[in-house]
Amino acid sequence: MINAVSQASNAYARTVNALDTTTDELDSATGVSASGGDFAAMMKNMVGNAIQNGHDAENMTAEGLNGSGDMTKIVTAVSNAQLALQTTTALRDRFVQAYQDVMRMSI
């Protein structure tokens, strides 16, 4: 499960990097900063936190397997990583739905 969380968080990190590149290209092409910069920063921060939570959970799980970790801390770290991944996935689904709604609008 930890590998799946790590792979998902890496995929989200790649998406954020692609969005940053696209935004930078748009800014340089137009000479104007795209609106919603604070939103992009918020999303980047959220994905970064999800990735960090996944790494923390993985490290705590490894300590537990070695017998040196506290079970309460391990369960808390894994729960935090799971919650962060669920939140990120729910937001992604909402953004996709909003995009699809906009694309269905008639002009």
PDB file of N, CA and C in Angstrom:
ATOM      1  N   MET A   1       0.821  -1.189   0.000  1.00  0.00           N
ATOM      2  CA  MET A   1       0.000   0.000   0.000  1.00  0.00           C
ATOM      3  C   MET A   1       0.867   1.256   0.000  1.00  0.00           C
ATOM      4  N   ILE A   2       1.967   1.204   0.748  1.00  0.00           N
ATOM      5  CA  ILE A   2       2.851   2.363   0.808  1.00  0.00           C
ATOM      6  C   ILE A   2       3.420   2.661  -0.572  1.00  0.00           C
ATOM      7  N   ASN A   3       3.758   1.620  -1.330  1.00  0.00           N
ATOM      8  CA  ASN A   3       4.273   1.835  -2.681  1.00  0.00           C
ATOM      9  C   ASN A   3       3.221   2.482  -3.561  1.00  0.00           C
ATOM     10  N   ALA A   4       1.966   2.069  -3.418  1.00  0.00           N
ATOM     11  CA  ALA A   4       0.890   2.666  -4.210  1.00  0.00           C
ATOM     12  C   ALA A   4       0.716   4.133  -3.848  1.00  0.00           C
ATOM     13  N   VAL A   5       0.789   4.447  -2.560  1.00  0.00           N
ATOM     14  CA  VAL A   5       0.680   5.840  -2.119  1.00  0.00           C
ATOM     15  C   VAL A   5       1.847   6.646  -2.666  1.00  0.00           C
ATOM     16  N   SER A   6       3.029   6.071  -2.605  1.00  0.00           N
ATOM     17  CA  SER A   6       4.212   6.758  -3.106  1.00  0.00           C
ATOM     18  C   SER A   6       4.119   6.995  -4.609  1.00  0.00           C
ATOM     19  N   GLN A   7       3.648   5.996  -5.349  1.00  0.00           N
ATOM     20  CA  GLN A   7       3.502   6.150  -6.797  1.00  0.00           C
ATOM     21  C   GLN A   7       2.461   7.210  -7.127  1.00  0.00           C
ATOM     22  N   ALA A   8       1.363   7.211  -6.389  1.00  0.00           N
ATOM     23  CA  ALA A   8       0.319   8.207  -6.637  1.00  0.00           C
ATOM     24  C   ALA A   8       0.824   9.607  -6.317  1.00  0.00           C
ATOM     25  N   SER A   9       1.528   9.752  -5.205  1.00  0.00           N
ATOM     26  CA  SER A   9       2.031  11.075  -4.854  1.00  0.00           C
ATOM     27  C   SER A   9       3.092  11.535  -5.846  1.00  0.00           C
ATOM     28  N   ASN A  10       3.885  10.615  -6.380  1.00  0.00           N
ATOM     29  CA  ASN A  10       4.855  10.980  -7.415  1.00  0.00           C
ATOM     30  C   ASN A  10       4.151  11.421  -8.689  1.00  0.00           C
ATOM     31  N   ALA A  11       3.047  10.760  -9.019  1.00  0.00           N
ATOM     32  CA  ALA A  11       2.278  11.158 -10.204  1.00  0.00           C
ATOM     33  C   ALA A  11       1.706  12.556 -10.021  1.00  0.00           C
ATOM     34  N   TYR A  12       1.195  12.846  -8.824  1.00  0.00           N
ATOM     35  CA  TYR A  12       0.678  14.189  -8.566  1.00  0.00           C
ATOM     36  C   TYR A  12       1.797  15.225  -8.612  1.00  0.00           C
ATOM     37  N   ALA A  13       2.970  14.867  -8.129  1.00  0.00           N
ATOM     38  CA  ALA A  13       4.101  15.795  -8.177  1.00  0.00           C
ATOM     39  C   ALA A  13       4.486  16.097  -9.620  1.00  0.00           C
ATOM     40  N   ARG A  14       4.471  15.074 -10.486  1.00  0.00           N
ATOM     41  CA  ARG A  14       4.770  15.303 -11.903  1.00  0.00           C
ATOM     42  C   ARG A  14       3.725  16.214 -12.535  1.00  0.00           C
ATOM     43  N   THR A  15       2.461  16.042 -12.141  1.00  0.00           N
ATOM     44  CA  THR A  15       1.393  16.895 -12.666  1.00  0.00           C
ATOM     45  C   THR A  15       1.601  18.339 -12.238  1.00  0.00           C
ATOM     46  N   VAL A  16       1.961  18.547 -10.987  1.00  0.00           N
ATOM     47  CA  VAL A  16       2.209  19.906 -10.504  1.00  0.00           C
ATOM     48  C   VAL A  16       3.387  20.522 -11.246  1.00  0.00           C
ATOM     49  N   ASN A  17       4.442  19.756 -11.477  1.00  0.00           N
ATOM     50  CA  ASN A  17       5.589  20.270 -12.227  1.00  0.00           C
ATOM     51  C   ASN A  17       5.195  20.634 -13.648  1.00  0.00           C
ATOM     52  N   ALA A  18       4.351  19.813 -14.269  1.00  0.00           N
ATOM     53  CA  ALA A  18       3.882  20.121 -15.619  1.00  0.00           C
ATOM     54  C   ALA A  18       3.044  21.393 -15.617  1.00  0.00           C
ATOM     55  N   LEU A  19       2.212  21.568 -14.592  1.00  0.00           N
ATOM     56  CA  LEU A  19       1.405  22.785 -14.489  1.00  0.00           C
ATOM     57  C   LEU A  19       2.289  24.011 -14.292  1.00  0.00           C
ATOM     58  N   ASP A  20       3.326  23.867 -13.478  1.00  0.00           N
ATOM     59  CA  ASP A  20       4.254  24.978 -13.271  1.00  0.00           C
ATOM     60  C   ASP A  20       4.934  25.365 -14.576  1.00  0.00           C
ATOM     61  N   THR A  21       5.361  24.376 -15.345  1.00  0.00           N
ATOM     62  CA  THR A  21       6.020  24.640 -16.622  1.00  0.00           C
ATOM     63  C   THR A  21       5.072  25.344 -17.576  1.00  0.00           C
ATOM     64  N   THR A  22       3.834  24.876 -17.645  1.00  0.00           N
ATOM     65  CA  THR A  22       2.840  25.490 -18.525  1.00  0.00           C
ATOM     66  C   THR A  22       2.552  26.922 -18.102  1.00  0.00           C
ATOM     67  N   THR A  23       2.412  27.150 -16.814  1.00  0.00           N
ATOM     68  CA  THR A  23       2.149  28.495 -16.310  1.00  0.00           C
ATOM     69  C   THR A  23       3.321  29.417 -16.606  1.00  0.00           C
ATOM     70  N   ASP A  24       4.545  28.928 -16.412  1.00  0.00           N
ATOM     71  CA  ASP A  24       5.723  29.741 -16.709  1.00  0.00           C
ATOM     72  C   ASP A  24       5.793  30.091 -18.190  1.00  0.00           C
ATOM     73  N   GLU A  25       5.478  29.126 -19.053  1.00  0.00           N
ATOM     74  CA  GLU A  25       5.485  29.390 -20.495  1.00  0.00           C
ATOM     75  C   GLU A  25       4.417  30.416 -20.861  1.00  0.00           C
ATOM     76  N   LEU A  26       3.254  30.305 -20.251  1.00  0.00           N
ATOM     77  CA  LEU A  26       2.176  31.260 -20.504  1.00  0.00           C
ATOM     78  C   LEU A  26       2.577  32.649 -20.031  1.00  0.00           C
ATOM     79  N   ASP A  27       3.168  32.738 -18.854  1.00  0.00           N
ATOM     80  CA  ASP A  27       3.611  34.026 -18.328  1.00  0.00           C
ATOM     81  C   ASP A  27       4.645  34.673 -19.242  1.00  0.00           C
ATOM     82  N   SER A  28       5.608  33.890 -19.718  1.00  0.00           N
ATOM     83  CA  SER A  28       6.651  34.455 -20.568  1.00  0.00           C
ATOM     84  C   SER A  28       6.104  34.824 -21.942  1.00  0.00           C
ATOM     85  N   ALA A  29       5.131  34.065 -22.440  1.00  0.00           N
ATOM     86  CA  ALA A  29       4.573  34.356 -23.762  1.00  0.00           C
ATOM     87  C   ALA A  29       3.696  35.601 -23.745  1.00  0.00           C
ATOM     88  N   THR A  30       2.952  35.787 -22.667  1.00  0.00           N
ATOM     89  CA  THR A  30       2.020  36.915 -22.609  1.00  0.00           C
ATOM     90  C   THR A  30       2.598  38.117 -21.890  1.00  0.00           C
ATOM     91  N   GLY A  31       3.604  37.892 -21.077  1.00  0.00           N
ATOM     92  CA  GLY A  31       4.162  38.986 -20.302  1.00  0.00           C
ATOM     93  C   GLY A  31       3.297  39.350 -19.111  1.00  0.00           C
ATOM     94  N   VAL A  32       2.256  38.563 -18.881  1.00  0.00           N
ATOM     95  CA  VAL A  32       1.334  38.820 -17.779  1.00  0.00           C
ATOM     96  C   VAL A  32       1.264  37.563 -16.926  1.00  0.00           C
ATOM     97  N   SER A  33       1.273  37.752 -15.631  1.00  0.00           N
ATOM     98  CA  SER A  33       1.158  36.605 -14.743  1.00  0.00           C
ATOM     99  C   SER A  33      -0.260  36.066 -14.788  1.00  0.00           C
ATOM    100  N   ALA A  34      -0.385  34.759 -14.888  1.00  0.00           N
ATOM    101  CA  ALA A  34      -1.711  34.140 -14.933  1.00  0.00           C
ATOM    102  C   ALA A  34      -2.420  34.348 -13.606  1.00  0.00           C
ATOM    103  N   SER A  35      -3.711  34.593 -13.682  1.00  0.00           N
ATOM    104  CA  SER A  35      -4.473  34.764 -12.451  1.00  0.00           C
ATOM    105  C   SER A  35      -4.546  33.429 -11.736  1.00  0.00           C
ATOM    106  N   GLY A  36      -4.735  33.474 -10.440  1.00  0.00           N
ATOM    107  CA  GLY A  36      -4.826  32.240  -9.676  1.00  0.00           C
ATOM    108  C   GLY A  36      -3.478  31.728  -9.222  1.00  0.00           C
ATOM    109  N   GLY A  37      -2.475  32.587  -9.176  1.00  0.00           N
ATOM    110  CA  GLY A  37      -1.163  32.165  -8.717  1.00  0.00           C
ATOM    111  C   GLY A  37      -1.207  31.637  -7.299  1.00  0.00           C
ATOM    112  N   ASP A  38      -2.039  32.249  -6.470  1.00  0.00           N
ATOM    113  CA  ASP A  38      -2.166  31.777  -5.100  1.00  0.00           C
ATOM    114  C   ASP A  38      -2.785  30.381  -5.071  1.00  0.00           C
ATOM    115  N   PHE A  39      -3.720  30.131  -5.977  1.00  0.00           N
ATOM    116  CA  PHE A  39      -4.335  28.812  -6.051  1.00  0.00           C
ATOM    117  C   PHE A  39      -3.303  27.771  -6.468  1.00  0.00           C
ATOM    118  N   ALA A  40      -2.488  28.107  -7.453  1.00  0.00           N
ATOM    119  CA  ALA A  40      -1.448  27.175  -7.902  1.00  0.00           C
ATOM    120  C   ALA A  40      -0.459  26.892  -6.774  1.00  0.00           C
ATOM    121  N   ALA A  41      -0.112  27.924  -6.021  1.00  0.00           N
ATOM    122  CA  ALA A  41       0.807  27.738  -4.897  1.00  0.00           C
ATOM    123  C   ALA A  41       0.175  26.851  -3.826  1.00  0.00           C
ATOM    124  N   MET A  42      -1.123  27.050  -3.603  1.00  0.00           N
ATOM    125  CA  MET A  42      -1.820  26.231  -2.623  1.00  0.00           C
ATOM    126  C   MET A  42      -1.824  24.762  -3.051  1.00  0.00           C
ATOM    127  N   MET A  43      -2.105  24.516  -4.325  1.00  0.00           N
ATOM    128  CA  MET A  43      -2.132  23.144  -4.822  1.00  0.00           C
ATOM    129  C   MET A  43      -0.744  22.502  -4.741  1.00  0.00           C
ATOM    130  N   LYS A  44       0.268  23.276  -5.108  1.00  0.00           N
ATOM    131  CA  LYS A  44       1.636  22.758  -5.045  1.00  0.00           C
ATOM    132  C   LYS A  44       2.004  22.403  -3.606  1.00  0.00           C
ATOM    133  N   ASN A  45       1.612  23.256  -2.677  1.00  0.00           N
ATOM    134  CA  ASN A  45       1.885  23.014  -1.265  1.00  0.00           C
ATOM    135  C   ASN A  45       1.148  21.769  -0.775  1.00  0.00           C
ATOM    136  N   MET A  46      -0.109  21.614  -1.194  1.00  0.00           N
ATOM    137  CA  MET A  46      -0.896  20.466  -0.767  1.00  0.00           C
ATOM    138  C   MET A  46      -0.306  19.164  -1.303  1.00  0.00           C
ATOM    139  N   VAL A  47       0.090  19.161  -2.552  1.00  0.00           N
ATOM    140  CA  VAL A  47       0.693  17.957  -3.129  1.00  0.00           C
ATOM    141  C   VAL A  47       2.030  17.664  -2.448  1.00  0.00           C
ATOM    142  N   GLY A  48       2.799  18.704  -2.179  1.00  0.00           N
ATOM    143  CA  GLY A  48       4.064  18.513  -1.470  1.00  0.00           C
ATOM    144  C   GLY A  48       3.859  17.917  -0.088  1.00  0.00           C
ATOM    145  N   ASN A  49       2.820  18.396   0.609  1.00  0.00           N
ATOM    146  CA  ASN A  49       2.512  17.840   1.928  1.00  0.00           C
ATOM    147  C   ASN A  49       2.078  16.380   1.833  1.00  0.00           C
ATOM    148  N   ALA A  50       1.303  16.056   0.812  1.00  0.00           N
ATOM    149  CA  ALA A  50       0.865  14.667   0.627  1.00  0.00           C
ATOM    150  C   ALA A  50       2.066  13.760   0.370  1.00  0.00           C
ATOM    151  N   ILE A  51       2.986  14.237  -0.437  1.00  0.00           N
ATOM    152  CA  ILE A  51       4.195  13.454  -0.719  1.00  0.00           C
ATOM    153  C   ILE A  51       5.014  13.267   0.553  1.00  0.00           C
ATOM    154  N   GLN A  52       5.175  14.342   1.311  1.00  0.00           N
ATOM    155  CA  GLN A  52       5.946  14.261   2.553  1.00  0.00           C
ATOM    156  C   GLN A  52       5.282  13.311   3.544  1.00  0.00           C
ATOM    157  N   ASN A  53       3.952  13.371   3.645  1.00  0.00           N
ATOM    158  CA  ASN A  53       3.239  12.452   4.536  1.00  0.00           C
ATOM    159  C   ASN A  53       3.463  11.005   4.114  1.00  0.00           C
ATOM    160  N   GLY A  54       3.476  10.758   2.814  1.00  0.00           N
ATOM    161  CA  GLY A  54       3.730   9.407   2.318  1.00  0.00           C
ATOM    162  C   GLY A  54       5.122   8.924   2.674  1.00  0.00           C
ATOM    163  N   HIS A  55       6.100   9.807   2.523  1.00  0.00           N
ATOM    164  CA  HIS A  55       7.478   9.437   2.875  1.00  0.00           C
ATOM    165  C   HIS A  55       7.612   9.196   4.381  1.00  0.00           C
ATOM    166  N   ASP A  56       6.965  10.053   5.177  1.00  0.00           N
ATOM    167  CA  ASP A  56       7.015   9.873   6.630  1.00  0.00           C
ATOM    168  C   ASP A  56       6.398   8.534   7.035  1.00  0.00           C
ATOM    169  N   ALA A  57       5.254   8.214   6.425  1.00  0.00           N
ATOM    170  CA  ALA A  57       4.594   6.942   6.740  1.00  0.00           C
ATOM    171  C   ALA A  57       5.472   5.761   6.344  1.00  0.00           C
ATOM    172  N   GLU A  58       6.114   5.877   5.199  1.00  0.00           N
ATOM    173  CA  GLU A  58       6.994   4.798   4.743  1.00  0.00           C
ATOM    174  C   GLU A  58       8.173   4.621   5.693  1.00  0.00           C
ATOM    175  N   ASN A  59       8.762   5.731   6.132  1.00  0.00           N
ATOM    176  CA  ASN A  59       9.890   5.652   7.068  1.00  0.00           C
ATOM    177  C   ASN A  59       9.462   5.066   8.413  1.00  0.00           C
ATOM    178  N   MET A  60       8.297   5.507   8.906  1.00  0.00           N
ATOM    179  CA  MET A  60       7.808   4.994  10.186  1.00  0.00           C
ATOM    180  C   MET A  60       7.494   3.499  10.083  1.00  0.00           C
ATOM    181  N   THR A  61       6.936   3.080   8.944  1.00  0.00           N
ATOM    182  CA  THR A  61       6.635   1.662   8.744  1.00  0.00           C
ATOM    183  C   THR A  61       7.921   0.842   8.724  1.00  0.00           C
ATOM    184  N   ALA A  62       8.948   1.364   8.080  1.00  0.00           N
ATOM    185  CA  ALA A  62      10.236   0.661   8.051  1.00  0.00           C
ATOM    186  C   ALA A  62      10.806   0.526   9.460  1.00  0.00           C
ATOM    187  N   GLU A  63      10.678   1.585  10.259  1.00  0.00           N
ATOM    188  CA  GLU A  63      11.142   1.505  11.649  1.00  0.00           C
ATOM    189  C   GLU A  63      10.354   0.449  12.421  1.00  0.00           C
ATOM    190  N   GLY A  64       9.048   0.390  12.156  1.00  0.00           N
ATOM    191  CA  GLY A  64       8.220  -0.605  12.832  1.00  0.00           C
ATOM    192  C   GLY A  64       8.612  -2.018  12.458  1.00  0.00           C
ATOM    193  N   LEU A  65       8.940  -2.221  11.188  1.00  0.00           N
ATOM    194  CA  LEU A  65       9.363  -3.548  10.747  1.00  0.00           C
ATOM    195  C   LEU A  65      10.696  -3.953  11.368  1.00  0.00           C
ATOM    196  N   ASN A  66      11.527  -2.959  11.653  1.00  0.00           N
ATOM    197  CA  ASN A  66      12.807  -3.236  12.313  1.00  0.00           C
ATOM    198  C   ASN A  66      12.646  -3.409  13.816  1.00  0.00           C
ATOM    199  N   GLY A  67      11.458  -3.115  14.333  1.00  0.00           N
ATOM    200  CA  GLY A  67      11.201  -3.268  15.759  1.00  0.00           C
ATOM    201  C   GLY A  67      11.570  -2.065  16.589  1.00  0.00           C
ATOM    202  N   SER A  68      11.926  -0.957  15.953  1.00  0.00           N
ATOM    203  CA  SER A  68      12.348   0.213  16.720  1.00  0.00           C
ATOM    204  C   SER A  68      11.312   1.331  16.730  1.00  0.00           C
ATOM    205  N   GLY A  69      10.159   1.122  16.104  1.00  0.00           N
ATOM    206  CA  GLY A  69       9.167   2.187  16.014  1.00  0.00           C
ATOM    207  C   GLY A  69       8.047   2.023  17.019  1.00  0.00           C
ATOM    208  N   ASP A  70       7.427   3.139  17.364  1.00  0.00           N
ATOM    209  CA  ASP A  70       6.271   3.158  18.252  1.00  0.00           C
ATOM    210  C   ASP A  70       5.018   2.939  17.404  1.00  0.00           C
ATOM    211  N   MET A  71       4.213   1.944  17.755  1.00  0.00           N
ATOM    212  CA  MET A  71       3.042   1.594  16.950  1.00  0.00           C
ATOM    213  C   MET A  71       2.057   2.752  16.819  1.00  0.00           C
ATOM    214  N   THR A  72       1.900   3.543  17.862  1.00  0.00           N
ATOM    215  CA  THR A  72       0.976   4.675  17.803  1.00  0.00           C
ATOM    216  C   THR A  72       1.432   5.679  16.759  1.00  0.00           C
ATOM    217  N   LYS A  73       2.718   5.968  16.737  1.00  0.00           N
ATOM    218  CA  LYS A  73       3.252   6.916  15.756  1.00  0.00           C
ATOM    219  C   LYS A  73       3.163   6.352  14.343  1.00  0.00           C
ATOM    220  N   ILE A  74       3.370   5.056  14.207  1.00  0.00           N
ATOM    221  CA  ILE A  74       3.295   4.426  12.883  1.00  0.00           C
ATOM    222  C   ILE A  74       1.879   4.518  12.339  1.00  0.00           C
ATOM    223  N   VAL A  75       0.902   4.153  13.167  1.00  0.00           N
ATOM    224  CA  VAL A  75      -0.496   4.194  12.733  1.00  0.00           C
ATOM    225  C   VAL A  75      -0.915   5.623  12.426  1.00  0.00           C
ATOM    226  N   THR A  76      -0.476   6.573  13.230  1.00  0.00           N
ATOM    227  CA  THR A  76      -0.803   7.977  12.986  1.00  0.00           C
ATOM    228  C   THR A  76      -0.204   8.452  11.671  1.00  0.00           C
ATOM    229  N   ALA A  77       1.041   8.099  11.406  1.00  0.00           N
ATOM    230  CA  ALA A  77       1.695   8.523  10.165  1.00  0.00           C
ATOM    231  C   ALA A  77       1.007   7.922   8.946  1.00  0.00           C
ATOM    232  N   VAL A  78       0.658   6.649   9.017  1.00  0.00           N
ATOM    233  CA  VAL A  78      -0.020   6.002   7.890  1.00  0.00           C
ATOM    234  C   VAL A  78      -1.406   6.605   7.690  1.00  0.00           C
ATOM    235  N   SER A  79      -2.111   6.890   8.772  1.00  0.00           N
ATOM    236  CA  SER A  79      -3.440   7.510   8.668  1.00  0.00           C
ATOM    237  C   SER A  79      -3.351   8.902   8.063  1.00  0.00           C
ATOM    238  N   ASN A  80      -2.342   9.666   8.456  1.00  0.00           N
ATOM    239  CA  ASN A  80      -2.149  11.001   7.879  1.00  0.00           C
ATOM    240  C   ASN A  80      -1.864  10.917   6.386  1.00  0.00           C
ATOM    241  N   ALA A  81      -1.045   9.964   5.993  1.00  0.00           N
ATOM    242  CA  ALA A  81      -0.738   9.792   4.571  1.00  0.00           C
ATOM    243  C   ALA A  81      -1.985   9.384   3.800  1.00  0.00           C
ATOM    244  N   GLN A  82      -2.775   8.503   4.368  1.00  0.00           N
ATOM    245  CA  GLN A  82      -4.006   8.063   3.709  1.00  0.00           C
ATOM    246  C   GLN A  82      -4.981   9.224   3.564  1.00  0.00           C
ATOM    247  N   LEU A  83      -5.133  10.029   4.602  1.00  0.00           N
ATOM    248  CA  LEU A  83      -6.033  11.177   4.551  1.00  0.00           C
ATOM    249  C   LEU A  83      -5.569  12.197   3.516  1.00  0.00           C
ATOM    250  N   ALA A  84      -4.276  12.452   3.462  1.00  0.00           N
ATOM    251  CA  ALA A  84      -3.743  13.404   2.482  1.00  0.00           C
ATOM    252  C   ALA A  84      -3.978  12.909   1.063  1.00  0.00           C
ATOM    253  N   LEU A  85      -3.777  11.620   0.833  1.00  0.00           N
ATOM    254  CA  LEU A  85      -4.007  11.057  -0.495  1.00  0.00           C
ATOM    255  C   LEU A  85      -5.484  11.112  -0.866  1.00  0.00           C
ATOM    256  N   GLN A  86      -6.363  10.800   0.067  1.00  0.00           N
ATOM    257  CA  GLN A  86      -7.799  10.860  -0.203  1.00  0.00           C
ATOM    258  C   GLN A  86      -8.245  12.286  -0.507  1.00  0.00           C
ATOM    259  N   THR A  87      -7.722  13.252   0.229  1.00  0.00           N
ATOM    260  CA  THR A  87      -8.071  14.652  -0.005  1.00  0.00           C
ATOM    261  C   THR A  87      -7.593  15.102  -1.375  1.00  0.00           C
ATOM    262  N   THR A  88      -6.365  14.765  -1.711  1.00  0.00           N
ATOM    263  CA  THR A  88      -5.812  15.139  -3.010  1.00  0.00           C
ATOM    264  C   THR A  88      -6.604  14.494  -4.140  1.00  0.00           C
ATOM    265  N   THR A  89      -6.968  13.241  -3.975  1.00  0.00           N
ATOM    266  CA  THR A  89      -7.748  12.545  -4.998  1.00  0.00           C
ATOM    267  C   THR A  89      -9.135  13.159  -5.148  1.00  0.00           C
ATOM    268  N   ALA A  90      -9.768  13.506  -4.038  1.00  0.00           N
ATOM    269  CA  ALA A  90     -11.093  14.128  -4.098  1.00  0.00           C
ATOM    270  C   ALA A  90     -11.028  15.479  -4.803  1.00  0.00           C
ATOM    271  N   LEU A  91     -10.002  16.263  -4.511  1.00  0.00           N
ATOM    272  CA  LEU A  91      -9.852  17.560  -5.179  1.00  0.00           C
ATOM    273  C   LEU A  91      -9.585  17.382  -6.663  1.00  0.00           C
ATOM    274  N   ARG A  92      -8.754  16.409  -7.009  1.00  0.00           N
ATOM    275  CA  ARG A  92      -8.498  16.139  -8.418  1.00  0.00           C
ATOM    276  C   ARG A  92      -9.785  15.791  -9.142  1.00  0.00           C
ATOM    277  N   ASP A  93     -10.599  14.945  -8.526  1.00  0.00           N
ATOM    278  CA  ASP A  93     -11.868  14.559  -9.138  1.00  0.00           C
ATOM    279  C   ASP A  93     -12.781  15.764  -9.328  1.00  0.00           C
ATOM    280  N   ARG A  94     -12.796  16.658  -8.347  1.00  0.00           N
ATOM    281  CA  ARG A  94     -13.616  17.875  -8.461  1.00  0.00           C
ATOM    282  C   ARG A  94     -13.120  18.771  -9.587  1.00  0.00           C
ATOM    283  N   PHE A  95     -11.807  18.899  -9.724  1.00  0.00           N
ATOM    284  CA  PHE A  95     -11.252  19.740 -10.787  1.00  0.00           C
ATOM    285  C   PHE A  95     -11.562  19.163 -12.158  1.00  0.00           C
ATOM    286  N   VAL A  96     -11.462  17.858 -12.288  1.00  0.00           N
ATOM    287  CA  VAL A  96     -11.790  17.214 -13.561  1.00  0.00           C
ATOM    288  C   VAL A  96     -13.261  17.425 -13.879  1.00  0.00           C
ATOM    289  N   GLN A  97     -14.123  17.272 -12.881  1.00  0.00           N
ATOM    290  CA  GLN A  97     -15.556  17.478 -13.091  1.00  0.00           C
ATOM    291  C   GLN A  97     -15.846  18.929 -13.484  1.00  0.00           C
ATOM    292  N   ALA A  98     -15.189  19.880 -12.826  1.00  0.00           N
ATOM    293  CA  ALA A  98     -15.390  21.290 -13.168  1.00  0.00           C
ATOM    294  C   ALA A  98     -14.927  21.572 -14.592  1.00  0.00           C
ATOM    295  N   TYR A  99     -13.797  21.003 -14.981  1.00  0.00           N
ATOM    296  CA  TYR A  99     -13.293  21.174 -16.343  1.00  0.00           C
ATOM    297  C   TYR A  99     -14.282  20.607 -17.351  1.00  0.00           C
ATOM    298  N   GLN A 100     -14.803  19.421 -17.064  1.00  0.00           N
ATOM    299  CA  GLN A 100     -15.773  18.809 -17.972  1.00  0.00           C
ATOM    300  C   GLN A 100     -17.046  19.643 -18.064  1.00  0.00           C
ATOM    301  N   ASP A 101     -17.479  20.225 -16.953  1.00  0.00           N
ATOM    302  CA  ASP A 101     -18.661  21.087 -16.971  1.00  0.00           C
ATOM    303  C   ASP A 101     -18.426  22.321 -17.835  1.00  0.00           C
ATOM    304  N   VAL A 102     -17.248  22.904 -17.729  1.00  0.00           N
ATOM    305  CA  VAL A 102     -16.924  24.079 -18.543  1.00  0.00           C
ATOM    306  C   VAL A 102     -16.873  23.705 -20.015  1.00  0.00           C
ATOM    307  N   MET A 103     -16.308  22.552 -20.329  1.00  0.00           N
ATOM    308  CA  MET A 103     -16.205  22.130 -21.723  1.00  0.00           C
ATOM    309  C   MET A 103     -17.571  21.821 -22.335  1.00  0.00           C
ATOM    310  N   ARG A 104     -18.547  21.451 -21.525  1.00  0.00           N
ATOM    311  CA  ARG A 104     -19.890  21.156 -22.024  1.00  0.00           C
ATOM    312  C   ARG A 104     -20.731  22.411 -22.233  1.00  0.00           C
ATOM    313  N   MET A 105     -20.278  23.533 -21.693  1.00  0.00           N
ATOM    314  CA  MET A 105     -21.052  24.772 -21.831  1.00  0.00           C
ATOM    315  C   MET A 105     -21.106  25.195 -23.291  1.00  0.00           C
ATOM    316  N   SER A 106     -22.269  25.682 -23.683  1.00  0.00           N
ATOM    317  CA  SER A 106     -22.391  26.189 -25.053  1.00  0.00           C
ATOM    318  C   SER A 106     -21.972  27.652 -25.083  1.00  0.00           C
ATOM    319  N   ILE A 107     -21.444  28.041 -26.212  1.00  0.00           N
ATOM    320  CA  ILE A 107     -20.943  29.417 -26.349  1.00  0.00           C
ATOM    321  C   ILE A 107     -21.989  30.280 -26.986  1.00  0.00           C
TER     322      ILE A 107
END
